[in-house]
Amino acid sequence: MNTKHVSDRDERKKQKRAARKKQAPKAKRASGVARGENKKKVKKIVKGQRKR
């Protein structure tokens, strides 16, 4: 939603909230998809010997 033309902060917030209410509800996350801390961690690659 583009609210650049609205200079008043409270008015812009009202418009954004109204637009958010109009949106269709988001689909639930699939049961097999981990989120946040439960995601699989990527192991750090060991650095080689430095030249100097």
Protein backbone atom coordinates (compact mmCIF):
# COMPACT_ATOMS: atom_id res chain seq x y z
CA MET A 1 0.00 0.00 0.00
CA ASN A 2 1.39 3.39 -0.97
CA THR A 3 0.87 6.09 1.68
CA LYS A 4 3.64 8.49 0.67
CA HIS A 5 1.17 11.24 -0.17
CA VAL A 6 -0.26 11.25 3.39
CA SER A 7 1.75 13.59 5.60
CA ASP A 8 -0.11 13.03 8.88
CA ARG A 9 1.32 10.05 10.78
CA ASP A 10 -1.91 9.01 12.51
CA GLU A 11 -3.89 9.21 9.27
CA ARG A 12 -1.29 7.04 7.52
CA LYS A 13 -1.49 4.47 10.33
CA LYS A 14 -5.29 4.35 10.04
CA GLN A 15 -5.07 3.72 6.30
CA LYS A 16 -2.46 0.98 6.72
CA ARG A 17 -4.48 -0.78 9.42
CA ALA A 18 -7.61 -0.64 7.29
CA ALA A 19 -5.72 -2.10 4.32
CA ARG A 20 -4.32 -4.86 6.53
CA LYS A 21 -7.81 -5.79 7.73
CA LYS A 22 -9.04 -6.04 4.12
CA GLN A 23 -6.32 -8.54 3.15
CA ALA A 24 -7.15 -12.22 2.92
CA PRO A 25 -5.82 -14.20 5.90
CA LYS A 26 -2.43 -15.80 5.37
CA ALA A 27 -2.27 -19.56 4.93
CA LYS A 28 -1.02 -21.60 7.86
CA ARG A 29 2.60 -22.71 7.71
CA ALA A 30 3.04 -26.33 6.57
CA SER A 31 3.63 -28.79 9.41
CA GLY A 32 7.04 -29.87 8.08
CA VAL A 33 8.50 -26.36 7.84
CA ALA A 34 10.70 -25.34 10.76
CA ARG A 35 10.88 -21.73 11.81
CA GLY A 36 13.38 -19.64 13.74
CA GLU A 37 15.58 -21.56 16.19
CA ASN A 38 14.22 -24.92 15.01
CA LYS A 39 15.78 -24.54 11.55
CA LYS A 40 18.70 -26.77 10.66
CA LYS A 41 21.98 -25.00 11.38
CA VAL A 42 24.66 -24.54 8.72
CA LYS A 43 28.09 -25.68 9.92
CA LYS A 44 30.84 -23.10 9.64
CA ILE A 45 33.54 -23.85 7.08
CA VAL A 46 37.04 -24.06 8.56
CA LYS A 47 39.34 -21.40 7.15
CA GLY A 48 42.64 -22.48 5.63
CA GLN A 49 46.10 -21.33 6.65
CA ARG A 50 46.70 -17.63 6.14
CA LYS A 51 49.45 -16.47 3.82
CA ARG A 52 50.89 -13.88 6.22
